[in-house]
Amino acid sequence: MAARTWWRGVQLDTRTAAMMDEVARLAAGIPLHPSQGSWSGLGASAGTHAGCGAIDLTRNSAAECDAIVEHMRRVGFAAWHRTPQQADWVRHVHGIAVQPGGKYAAGCLHPA
């Protein structure tokens, strides 16, 4: 089981929190507002937040979301800019920390 910690109000595993610290450093000047972390089973996420490694960030402009996605990918997240036009959700960045060993190494990620 991955060690849990809190990062800006959401629960993450320690590895994902450290990765987000690096995203915050790279994205200096862009506010990061996490709205959902790991081990939260909200139905809208199709289970992707049920394990560790998951984070959503909200309250950013489209340009800020695009920049956040770039920084998250640079440090090892699979990250997407999700828009209200895609589904019934607010604009946000959805990120999943890629596990050491690549996409087939599930680590502590939920199978979803």
C-alpha atoms as a PDB file:
ATOM      1  CA  MET A   1       0.000   0.000   0.000  1.00  0.00           C
ATOM      2  CA  ALA A   2       1.341   3.415  -0.927  1.00  0.00           C
ATOM      3  CA  ALA A   3       2.036   5.897   1.859  1.00  0.00           C
ATOM      4  CA  ARG A   4      -0.625   8.614   1.969  1.00  0.00           C
ATOM      5  CA  THR A   5      -0.154  12.335   2.485  1.00  0.00           C
ATOM      6  CA  TRP A   6      -2.068  15.563   1.924  1.00  0.00           C
ATOM      7  CA  TRP A   7      -1.154  17.961  -0.878  1.00  0.00           C
ATOM      8  CA  ARG A   8      -2.986  21.305  -0.946  1.00  0.00           C
ATOM      9  CA  GLY A   9      -6.096  19.794   0.589  1.00  0.00           C
ATOM     10  CA  VAL A  10      -6.368  16.504  -1.315  1.00  0.00           C
ATOM     11  CA  GLN A  11      -5.063  13.090  -0.371  1.00  0.00           C
ATOM     12  CA  LEU A  12      -2.275  11.690  -2.567  1.00  0.00           C
ATOM     13  CA  ASP A  13       0.429   9.087  -2.261  1.00  0.00           C
ATOM     14  CA  THR A  14       3.843  10.510  -1.369  1.00  0.00           C
ATOM     15  CA  ARG A  15       5.285   9.889  -4.856  1.00  0.00           C
ATOM     16  CA  THR A  16       2.439  11.757  -6.585  1.00  0.00           C
ATOM     17  CA  ALA A  17       2.718  14.611  -4.053  1.00  0.00           C
ATOM     18  CA  ALA A  18       6.448  14.932  -4.804  1.00  0.00           C
ATOM     19  CA  MET A  19       5.670  14.965  -8.529  1.00  0.00           C
ATOM     20  CA  MET A  20       3.110  17.728  -7.946  1.00  0.00           C
ATOM     21  CA  ASP A  21       5.697  19.726  -5.979  1.00  0.00           C
ATOM     22  CA  GLU A  22       7.836  19.650  -9.131  1.00  0.00           C
ATOM     23  CA  VAL A  23       4.845  20.654 -11.282  1.00  0.00           C
ATOM     24  CA  ALA A  24       4.285  23.610  -8.926  1.00  0.00           C
ATOM     25  CA  ARG A  25       7.928  24.617  -9.304  1.00  0.00           C
ATOM     26  CA  LEU A  26       7.764  24.411 -13.115  1.00  0.00           C
ATOM     27  CA  ALA A  27       4.400  26.193 -13.243  1.00  0.00           C
ATOM     28  CA  ALA A  28       5.495  29.103 -11.056  1.00  0.00           C
ATOM     29  CA  GLY A  29       2.922  31.863 -11.457  1.00  0.00           C
ATOM     30  CA  ILE A  30       0.072  29.512 -12.426  1.00  0.00           C
ATOM     31  CA  PRO A  31      -2.245  28.750  -9.512  1.00  0.00           C
ATOM     32  CA  LEU A  32      -2.759  25.042  -8.849  1.00  0.00           C
ATOM     33  CA  HIS A  33      -6.144  24.203  -7.315  1.00  0.00           C
ATOM     34  CA  PRO A  34      -6.575  20.479  -6.711  1.00  0.00           C
ATOM     35  CA  SER A  35     -10.227  19.447  -6.572  1.00  0.00           C
ATOM     36  CA  GLN A  36      -9.866  15.677  -6.294  1.00  0.00           C
ATOM     37  CA  GLY A  37      -6.993  13.453  -5.279  1.00  0.00           C
ATOM     38  CA  SER A  38      -6.520   9.740  -4.917  1.00  0.00           C
ATOM     39  CA  TRP A  39      -8.669   7.184  -3.119  1.00  0.00           C
ATOM     40  CA  SER A  40     -11.839   9.096  -3.925  1.00  0.00           C
ATOM     41  CA  GLY A  41     -14.365   7.044  -5.812  1.00  0.00           C
ATOM     42  CA  LEU A  42     -16.495   9.709  -7.486  1.00  0.00           C
ATOM     43  CA  GLY A  43     -18.540   8.161 -10.284  1.00  0.00           C
ATOM     44  CA  ALA A  44     -17.634  10.824 -12.848  1.00  0.00           C
ATOM     45  CA  SER A  45     -14.014   9.666 -12.825  1.00  0.00           C
ATOM     46  CA  ALA A  46     -14.921   6.096 -13.912  1.00  0.00           C
ATOM     47  CA  GLY A  47     -12.856   4.744 -11.036  1.00  0.00           C
ATOM     48  CA  THR A  48      -9.562   6.383 -12.009  1.00  0.00           C
ATOM     49  CA  HIS A  49      -9.385   8.144  -8.632  1.00  0.00           C
ATOM     50  CA  ALA A  50     -10.133   4.977  -6.634  1.00  0.00           C
ATOM     51  CA  GLY A  51      -6.418   4.125  -6.263  1.00  0.00           C
ATOM     52  CA  CYS A  52      -3.314   6.257  -5.888  1.00  0.00           C
ATOM     53  CA  GLY A  53      -1.619   8.408  -8.534  1.00  0.00           C
ATOM     54  CA  ALA A  54      -4.682  10.463  -9.543  1.00  0.00           C
ATOM     55  CA  ILE A  55      -5.302  14.203  -9.256  1.00  0.00           C
ATOM     56  CA  ASP A  56      -7.658  16.786 -10.779  1.00  0.00           C
ATOM     57  CA  LEU A  57      -6.951  20.528 -10.876  1.00  0.00           C
ATOM     58  CA  THR A  58      -9.692  23.132 -11.488  1.00  0.00           C
ATOM     59  CA  ARG A  59     -10.352  26.880 -11.652  1.00  0.00           C
ATOM     60  CA  ASN A  60      -7.823  27.582 -14.386  1.00  0.00           C
ATOM     61  CA  SER A  61      -8.221  29.211 -17.796  1.00  0.00           C
ATOM     62  CA  ALA A  62      -7.850  27.109 -20.950  1.00  0.00           C
ATOM     63  CA  ALA A  63      -4.317  28.459 -21.493  1.00  0.00           C
ATOM     64  CA  GLU A  64      -3.351  27.698 -17.885  1.00  0.00           C
ATOM     65  CA  CYS A  65      -4.770  24.169 -18.178  1.00  0.00           C
ATOM     66  CA  ASP A  66      -2.711  23.581 -21.322  1.00  0.00           C
ATOM     67  CA  ALA A  67       0.447  24.800 -19.564  1.00  0.00           C
ATOM     68  CA  ILE A  68      -0.270  22.648 -16.499  1.00  0.00           C
ATOM     69  CA  VAL A  69      -0.740  19.591 -18.738  1.00  0.00           C
ATOM     70  CA  GLU A  70       2.646  20.266 -20.346  1.00  0.00           C
ATOM     71  CA  HIS A  71       4.382  20.534 -16.970  1.00  0.00           C
ATOM     72  CA  MET A  72       2.630  17.435 -15.617  1.00  0.00           C
ATOM     73  CA  ARG A  73       3.664  15.389 -18.636  1.00  0.00           C
ATOM     74  CA  ARG A  74       7.242  16.600 -18.248  1.00  0.00           C
ATOM     75  CA  VAL A  75       7.450  15.135 -14.718  1.00  0.00           C
ATOM     76  CA  GLY A  76       5.793  11.804 -15.539  1.00  0.00           C
ATOM     77  CA  PHE A  77       2.027  12.214 -15.537  1.00  0.00           C
ATOM     78  CA  ALA A  78      -0.399  11.130 -18.188  1.00  0.00           C
ATOM     79  CA  ALA A  79      -2.408  14.369 -18.152  1.00  0.00           C
ATOM     80  CA  TRP A  80      -5.345  15.779 -20.095  1.00  0.00           C
ATOM     81  CA  HIS A  81      -7.158  19.087 -20.317  1.00  0.00           C
ATOM     82  CA  ARG A  82     -10.836  18.184 -19.885  1.00  0.00           C
ATOM     83  CA  THR A  83     -13.489  20.656 -21.031  1.00  0.00           C
ATOM     84  CA  PRO A  84     -17.248  21.038 -20.408  1.00  0.00           C
ATOM     85  CA  GLN A  85     -17.809  20.343 -24.120  1.00  0.00           C
ATOM     86  CA  GLN A  86     -16.457  16.801 -23.639  1.00  0.00           C
ATOM     87  CA  ALA A  87     -18.806  15.785 -20.818  1.00  0.00           C
ATOM     88  CA  ASP A  88     -20.785  17.063 -17.858  1.00  0.00           C
ATOM     89  CA  TRP A  89     -17.867  18.434 -15.826  1.00  0.00           C
ATOM     90  CA  VAL A  90     -16.095  21.746 -15.273  1.00  0.00           C
ATOM     91  CA  ARG A  91     -12.875  22.608 -17.084  1.00  0.00           C
ATOM     92  CA  HIS A  92     -10.068  20.769 -15.325  1.00  0.00           C
ATOM     93  CA  VAL A  93      -6.777  18.962 -15.713  1.00  0.00           C
ATOM     94  CA  HIS A  94      -6.936  15.225 -15.045  1.00  0.00           C
ATOM     95  CA  GLY A  95      -3.629  13.570 -14.227  1.00  0.00           C
ATOM     96  CA  ILE A  96      -2.499  10.021 -13.536  1.00  0.00           C
ATOM     97  CA  ALA A  97       1.077   9.480 -12.329  1.00  0.00           C
ATOM     98  CA  VAL A  98       2.726   6.967 -14.669  1.00  0.00           C
ATOM     99  CA  GLN A  99       4.088   4.161 -12.546  1.00  0.00           C
ATOM    100  CA  PRO A 100       7.778   3.316 -12.423  1.00  0.00           C
ATOM    101  CA  GLY A 101       8.201   0.550 -14.955  1.00  0.00           C
ATOM    102  CA  GLY A 102       5.804   2.029 -17.511  1.00  0.00           C
ATOM    103  CA  LYS A 103       2.151   1.744 -18.370  1.00  0.00           C
ATOM    104  CA  TYR A 104       1.904  -1.994 -17.721  1.00  0.00           C
ATOM    105  CA  ALA A 105       3.308  -1.710 -14.191  1.00  0.00           C
ATOM    106  CA  ALA A 106       0.063  -1.055 -12.322  1.00  0.00           C
ATOM    107  CA  GLY A 107       1.751  -0.236  -9.018  1.00  0.00           C
ATOM    108  CA  CYS A 108      -0.953   1.260  -6.799  1.00  0.00           C
ATOM    109  CA  LEU A 109      -3.148   2.588  -9.608  1.00  0.00           C
ATOM    110  CA  HIS A 110      -6.748   1.463  -9.733  1.00  0.00           C
ATOM    111  CA  PRO A 111      -7.340  -0.874 -12.719  1.00  0.00           C
ATOM    112  CA  ALA A 112      -9.721   1.713 -14.256  1.00  0.00           C
END
